[in-house]
């Protein structure tokens, strides 16, 4: 049975560790982590979640873009579970856009990200898939991927002037 897990917040050392490769996709522990991640993400206004955010040091992310209070213009898509993901840049162009994080409540920042990437990952059946991501979904992927390598989006901010409170962000931009 899946459960909603508490979100690990900035300052917890688990957010700064490199996540482990999932060796056996079909292990009950991995299946349970994925179920818990799906339930946890669905219970939030987030558009993605990485296993380290629920305290699990595994290379698993879920991208579940949908319009929410935090991201009213986010495109609707079915959630995608990505195990052991990696990516290559297919277009060197970067754009700055606003990001927030469930692990860093109350803050938004302008973060530069690649606009087009090629992602390789295993699905829940252990099959390797290759997808091209662009725009907002590419941004969400890179944000979640950072959690797998011990980074948070604030590490990518170019200037402290690009960081605002969630309240100020909503007043100015929503």
C-alpha atoms as a PDB file:
ATOM      1  CA  UNK A   1       0.000   0.000   0.000  1.00  0.00           C
ATOM      2  CA  UNK A   2       1.387   3.380  -0.940  1.00  0.00           C
ATOM      3  CA  UNK A   3       1.650   6.223   1.497  1.00  0.00           C
ATOM      4  CA  UNK A   4       2.218   9.941   1.354  1.00  0.00           C
ATOM      5  CA  UNK A   5       5.706  10.598   2.660  1.00  0.00           C
ATOM      6  CA  UNK A   6       6.994  13.774   4.299  1.00  0.00           C
ATOM      7  CA  UNK A   7       9.141  15.935   2.022  1.00  0.00           C
ATOM      8  CA  UNK A   8      12.797  16.247   3.028  1.00  0.00           C
ATOM      9  CA  UNK A   9      13.686  19.947   3.273  1.00  0.00           C
ATOM     10  CA  UNK A  10      16.806  21.985   2.578  1.00  0.00           C
ATOM     11  CA  UNK A  11      19.372  21.463   5.325  1.00  0.00           C
ATOM     12  CA  UNK A  12      18.775  17.723   5.523  1.00  0.00           C
ATOM     13  CA  UNK A  13      22.045  16.069   4.413  1.00  0.00           C
ATOM     14  CA  UNK A  14      20.120  13.502   2.343  1.00  0.00           C
ATOM     15  CA  UNK A  15      19.410  16.229  -0.223  1.00  0.00           C
ATOM     16  CA  UNK A  16      23.153  16.698  -0.753  1.00  0.00           C
ATOM     17  CA  UNK A  17      24.069  13.055  -1.359  1.00  0.00           C
ATOM     18  CA  UNK A  18      24.485  11.426  -4.738  1.00  0.00           C
ATOM     19  CA  UNK A  19      21.682   8.901  -5.205  1.00  0.00           C
ATOM     20  CA  UNK A  20      22.432   5.228  -5.830  1.00  0.00           C
ATOM     21  CA  UNK A  21      21.761   3.439  -9.098  1.00  0.00           C
ATOM     22  CA  UNK A  22      18.728   1.157  -8.930  1.00  0.00           C
ATOM     23  CA  UNK A  23      20.164  -2.295  -9.606  1.00  0.00           C
ATOM     24  CA  UNK A  24      16.922  -4.278  -9.479  1.00  0.00           C
ATOM     25  CA  UNK A  25      13.903  -2.397 -10.755  1.00  0.00           C
ATOM     26  CA  UNK A  26      11.520  -5.175  -9.713  1.00  0.00           C
ATOM     27  CA  UNK A  27      12.470  -5.341  -6.011  1.00  0.00           C
ATOM     28  CA  UNK A  28       9.528  -4.757  -3.687  1.00  0.00           C
ATOM     29  CA  UNK A  29      11.416  -1.932  -1.977  1.00  0.00           C
ATOM     30  CA  UNK A  30      11.808  -0.085  -5.296  1.00  0.00           C
ATOM     31  CA  UNK A  31       8.179  -0.678  -6.267  1.00  0.00           C
ATOM     32  CA  UNK A  32       7.059   0.642  -2.861  1.00  0.00           C
ATOM     33  CA  UNK A  33       9.260   3.732  -3.168  1.00  0.00           C
ATOM     34  CA  UNK A  34       7.765   4.495  -6.582  1.00  0.00           C
ATOM     35  CA  UNK A  35       4.203   4.021  -5.265  1.00  0.00           C
ATOM     36  CA  UNK A  36       4.952   6.310  -2.334  1.00  0.00           C
ATOM     37  CA  UNK A  37       6.490   8.889  -4.677  1.00  0.00           C
ATOM     38  CA  UNK A  38       3.394   8.829  -6.899  1.00  0.00           C
ATOM     39  CA  UNK A  39       1.084   9.290  -3.902  1.00  0.00           C
ATOM     40  CA  UNK A  40       3.293  11.999  -2.418  1.00  0.00           C
ATOM     41  CA  UNK A  41       3.548  13.986  -5.662  1.00  0.00           C
ATOM     42  CA  UNK A  42      -0.216  13.722  -6.241  1.00  0.00           C
ATOM     43  CA  UNK A  43      -0.802  15.199  -2.768  1.00  0.00           C
ATOM     44  CA  UNK A  44       1.206  18.352  -3.573  1.00  0.00           C
ATOM     45  CA  UNK A  45       1.173  21.271  -5.987  1.00  0.00           C
ATOM     46  CA  UNK A  46       4.500  20.072  -7.391  1.00  0.00           C
ATOM     47  CA  UNK A  47       5.172  18.964 -10.968  1.00  0.00           C
ATOM     48  CA  UNK A  48       8.015  16.569 -10.212  1.00  0.00           C
ATOM     49  CA  UNK A  49       9.607  14.600  -7.403  1.00  0.00           C
ATOM     50  CA  UNK A  50      12.916  12.821  -6.850  1.00  0.00           C
ATOM     51  CA  UNK A  51      13.412   9.891  -4.482  1.00  0.00           C
ATOM     52  CA  UNK A  52      15.884  11.834  -2.275  1.00  0.00           C
ATOM     53  CA  UNK A  53      13.051  14.273  -1.535  1.00  0.00           C
ATOM     54  CA  UNK A  54      11.263  11.527   0.380  1.00  0.00           C
ATOM     55  CA  UNK A  55      14.489  10.387   2.022  1.00  0.00           C
ATOM     56  CA  UNK A  56      15.322   7.559  -0.404  1.00  0.00           C
ATOM     57  CA  UNK A  57      18.777   7.650  -1.985  1.00  0.00           C
ATOM     58  CA  UNK A  58      17.852   6.072  -5.313  1.00  0.00           C
ATOM     59  CA  UNK A  59      17.994   7.373  -8.872  1.00  0.00           C
ATOM     60  CA  UNK A  60      14.252   7.640  -9.383  1.00  0.00           C
ATOM     61  CA  UNK A  61      12.285  10.681 -10.481  1.00  0.00           C
ATOM     62  CA  UNK A  62       8.701  11.315 -11.448  1.00  0.00           C
ATOM     63  CA  UNK A  63       7.691  14.069 -13.823  1.00  0.00           C
ATOM     64  CA  UNK A  64       4.013  14.818 -13.385  1.00  0.00           C
ATOM     65  CA  UNK A  65       3.346  18.183 -14.964  1.00  0.00           C
ATOM     66  CA  UNK A  66      -0.147  19.554 -14.570  1.00  0.00           C
ATOM     67  CA  UNK A  67      -1.643  22.968 -13.876  1.00  0.00           C
ATOM     68  CA  UNK A  68      -1.516  23.662 -10.127  1.00  0.00           C
ATOM     69  CA  UNK A  69      -1.722  26.711  -7.875  1.00  0.00           C
ATOM     70  CA  UNK A  70       2.086  26.884  -7.955  1.00  0.00           C
ATOM     71  CA  UNK A  71       2.336  26.272 -11.724  1.00  0.00           C
ATOM     72  CA  UNK A  72      -0.952  27.405 -13.300  1.00  0.00           C
ATOM     73  CA  UNK A  73       0.451  27.326 -16.856  1.00  0.00           C
ATOM     74  CA  UNK A  74       2.120  23.919 -16.589  1.00  0.00           C
ATOM     75  CA  UNK A  75       1.174  21.529 -19.387  1.00  0.00           C
ATOM     76  CA  UNK A  76      -0.963  18.517 -18.523  1.00  0.00           C
ATOM     77  CA  UNK A  77       0.728  15.130 -18.908  1.00  0.00           C
ATOM     78  CA  UNK A  78       0.505  11.662 -17.457  1.00  0.00           C
ATOM     79  CA  UNK A  79       3.192  11.158 -14.791  1.00  0.00           C
ATOM     80  CA  UNK A  80       6.367   9.462 -16.032  1.00  0.00           C
ATOM     81  CA  UNK A  81       8.539   7.383 -13.698  1.00  0.00           C
ATOM     82  CA  UNK A  82      12.202   7.545 -14.700  1.00  0.00           C
ATOM     83  CA  UNK A  83      14.678   5.128 -13.133  1.00  0.00           C
ATOM     84  CA  UNK A  84      18.447   5.639 -13.482  1.00  0.00           C
ATOM     85  CA  UNK A  85      17.949   8.637 -15.784  1.00  0.00           C
ATOM     86  CA  UNK A  86      20.664  10.517 -17.600  1.00  0.00           C
ATOM     87  CA  UNK A  87      20.588  13.214 -20.242  1.00  0.00           C
ATOM     88  CA  UNK A  88      22.530  14.874 -22.998  1.00  0.00           C
ATOM     89  CA  UNK A  89      22.051  18.406 -24.217  1.00  0.00           C
ATOM     90  CA  UNK A  90      20.681  18.610 -27.762  1.00  0.00           C
ATOM     91  CA  UNK A  91      20.633  22.401 -27.942  1.00  0.00           C
ATOM     92  CA  UNK A  92      23.154  24.526 -26.026  1.00  0.00           C
ATOM     93  CA  UNK A  93      20.594  27.310 -25.634  1.00  0.00           C
ATOM     94  CA  UNK A  94      19.680  28.057 -22.007  1.00  0.00           C
ATOM     95  CA  UNK A  95      16.778  30.084 -20.712  1.00  0.00           C
ATOM     96  CA  UNK A  96      16.185  31.535 -17.286  1.00  0.00           C
ATOM     97  CA  UNK A  97      12.781  30.866 -15.796  1.00  0.00           C
ATOM     98  CA  UNK A  98      11.204  30.668 -12.369  1.00  0.00           C
ATOM     99  CA  UNK A  99      11.505  27.510 -10.296  1.00  0.00           C
ATOM    100  CA  UNK A 100      10.392  26.435  -6.869  1.00  0.00           C
ATOM    101  CA  UNK A 101      10.915  23.222  -4.960  1.00  0.00           C
ATOM    102  CA  UNK A 102       8.874  21.194  -2.506  1.00  0.00           C
ATOM    103  CA  UNK A 103      12.089  20.779  -0.486  1.00  0.00           C
ATOM    104  CA  UNK A 104      12.616  24.559  -0.291  1.00  0.00           C
ATOM    105  CA  UNK A 105       9.207  25.979   0.628  1.00  0.00           C
ATOM    106  CA  UNK A 106       8.507  29.692   0.366  1.00  0.00           C
ATOM    107  CA  UNK A 107      11.207  30.543  -2.201  1.00  0.00           C
ATOM    108  CA  UNK A 108      11.302  30.997  -5.997  1.00  0.00           C
ATOM    109  CA  UNK A 109      14.295  31.780  -8.183  1.00  0.00           C
ATOM    110  CA  UNK A 110      15.265  32.379 -11.788  1.00  0.00           C
ATOM    111  CA  UNK A 111      17.308  29.386 -12.918  1.00  0.00           C
ATOM    112  CA  UNK A 112      19.086  28.895 -16.254  1.00  0.00           C
ATOM    113  CA  UNK A 113      18.333  25.522 -17.870  1.00  0.00           C
ATOM    114  CA  UNK A 114      18.882  23.904 -21.238  1.00  0.00           C
ATOM    115  CA  UNK A 115      15.792  24.154 -23.416  1.00  0.00           C
ATOM    116  CA  UNK A 116      16.231  20.825 -25.235  1.00  0.00           C
ATOM    117  CA  UNK A 117      17.634  17.548 -23.932  1.00  0.00           C
ATOM    118  CA  UNK A 118      17.715  13.845 -24.783  1.00  0.00           C
ATOM    119  CA  UNK A 119      16.858  11.654 -21.783  1.00  0.00           C
ATOM    120  CA  UNK A 120      17.690   7.972 -21.352  1.00  0.00           C
ATOM    121  CA  UNK A 121      15.989   6.113 -18.502  1.00  0.00           C
ATOM    122  CA  UNK A 122      14.524   2.814 -17.411  1.00  0.00           C
ATOM    123  CA  UNK A 123      10.779   2.528 -17.025  1.00  0.00           C
ATOM    124  CA  UNK A 124       9.021   0.517 -14.314  1.00  0.00           C
ATOM    125  CA  UNK A 125       9.396  -2.597 -16.477  1.00  0.00           C
ATOM    126  CA  UNK A 126      13.166  -2.163 -16.647  1.00  0.00           C
ATOM    127  CA  UNK A 127      13.134  -1.186 -20.334  1.00  0.00           C
ATOM    128  CA  UNK A 128      15.520   1.533 -21.478  1.00  0.00           C
ATOM    129  CA  UNK A 129      13.691   4.387 -23.174  1.00  0.00           C
ATOM    130  CA  UNK A 130      14.939   7.486 -24.967  1.00  0.00           C
ATOM    131  CA  UNK A 131      12.887  10.667 -25.123  1.00  0.00           C
ATOM    132  CA  UNK A 132      13.421  14.204 -26.322  1.00  0.00           C
ATOM    133  CA  UNK A 133      12.258  16.839 -23.840  1.00  0.00           C
ATOM    134  CA  UNK A 134      11.939  20.559 -24.410  1.00  0.00           C
ATOM    135  CA  UNK A 135      10.652  23.671 -22.708  1.00  0.00           C
ATOM    136  CA  UNK A 136       8.970  23.352 -19.332  1.00  0.00           C
ATOM    137  CA  UNK A 137       9.209  19.546 -19.196  1.00  0.00           C
ATOM    138  CA  UNK A 138      12.965  19.679 -19.919  1.00  0.00           C
ATOM    139  CA  UNK A 139      13.271  22.188 -17.072  1.00  0.00           C
ATOM    140  CA  UNK A 140      11.353  19.950 -14.662  1.00  0.00           C
ATOM    141  CA  UNK A 141      13.532  16.979 -15.605  1.00  0.00           C
ATOM    142  CA  UNK A 142      16.785  18.908 -15.027  1.00  0.00           C
ATOM    143  CA  UNK A 143      15.475  20.195 -11.693  1.00  0.00           C
ATOM    144  CA  UNK A 144      14.629  16.679 -10.505  1.00  0.00           C
ATOM    145  CA  UNK A 145      17.849  15.225 -11.946  1.00  0.00           C
ATOM    146  CA  UNK A 146      19.802  17.728  -9.826  1.00  0.00           C
ATOM    147  CA  UNK A 147      18.352  16.054  -6.728  1.00  0.00           C
ATOM    148  CA  UNK A 148      19.939  12.774  -7.845  1.00  0.00           C
ATOM    149  CA  UNK A 149      23.403  14.355  -7.901  1.00  0.00           C
ATOM    150  CA  UNK A 150      23.089  16.203  -4.594  1.00  0.00           C
ATOM    151  CA  UNK A 151      22.166  19.616  -5.982  1.00  0.00           C
ATOM    152  CA  UNK A 152      19.185  21.894  -5.470  1.00  0.00           C
ATOM    153  CA  UNK A 153      18.008  24.585  -7.852  1.00  0.00           C
ATOM    154  CA  UNK A 154      19.473  27.366  -5.705  1.00  0.00           C
ATOM    155  CA  UNK A 155      22.919  26.001  -6.612  1.00  0.00           C
ATOM    156  CA  UNK A 156      22.211  27.016 -10.238  1.00  0.00           C
ATOM    157  CA  UNK A 157      21.073  30.591  -9.525  1.00  0.00           C
ATOM    158  CA  UNK A 158      23.423  33.146 -11.089  1.00  0.00           C
ATOM    159  CA  UNK A 159      22.618  36.073  -8.764  1.00  0.00           C
ATOM    160  CA  UNK A 160      21.037  36.389  -5.345  1.00  0.00           C
ATOM    161  CA  UNK A 161      18.884  39.109  -6.933  1.00  0.00           C
ATOM    162  CA  UNK A 162      17.141  36.284  -8.822  1.00  0.00           C
ATOM    163  CA  UNK A 163      15.704  34.837  -5.580  1.00  0.00           C
ATOM    164  CA  UNK A 164      12.336  35.980  -4.210  1.00  0.00           C
ATOM    165  CA  UNK A 165       9.839  34.825  -1.616  1.00  0.00           C
ATOM    166  CA  UNK A 166       6.871  32.778  -2.815  1.00  0.00           C
ATOM    167  CA  UNK A 167       4.597  35.599  -1.640  1.00  0.00           C
ATOM    168  CA  UNK A 168       6.486  38.201  -3.678  1.00  0.00           C
ATOM    169  CA  UNK A 169       6.562  35.876  -6.690  1.00  0.00           C
ATOM    170  CA  UNK A 170       2.773  35.488  -6.578  1.00  0.00           C
ATOM    171  CA  UNK A 171       2.268  39.249  -6.239  1.00  0.00           C
ATOM    172  CA  UNK A 172       4.572  40.044  -9.155  1.00  0.00           C
ATOM    173  CA  UNK A 173       4.168  37.177 -11.602  1.00  0.00           C
ATOM    174  CA  UNK A 174       0.942  35.202 -11.070  1.00  0.00           C
END
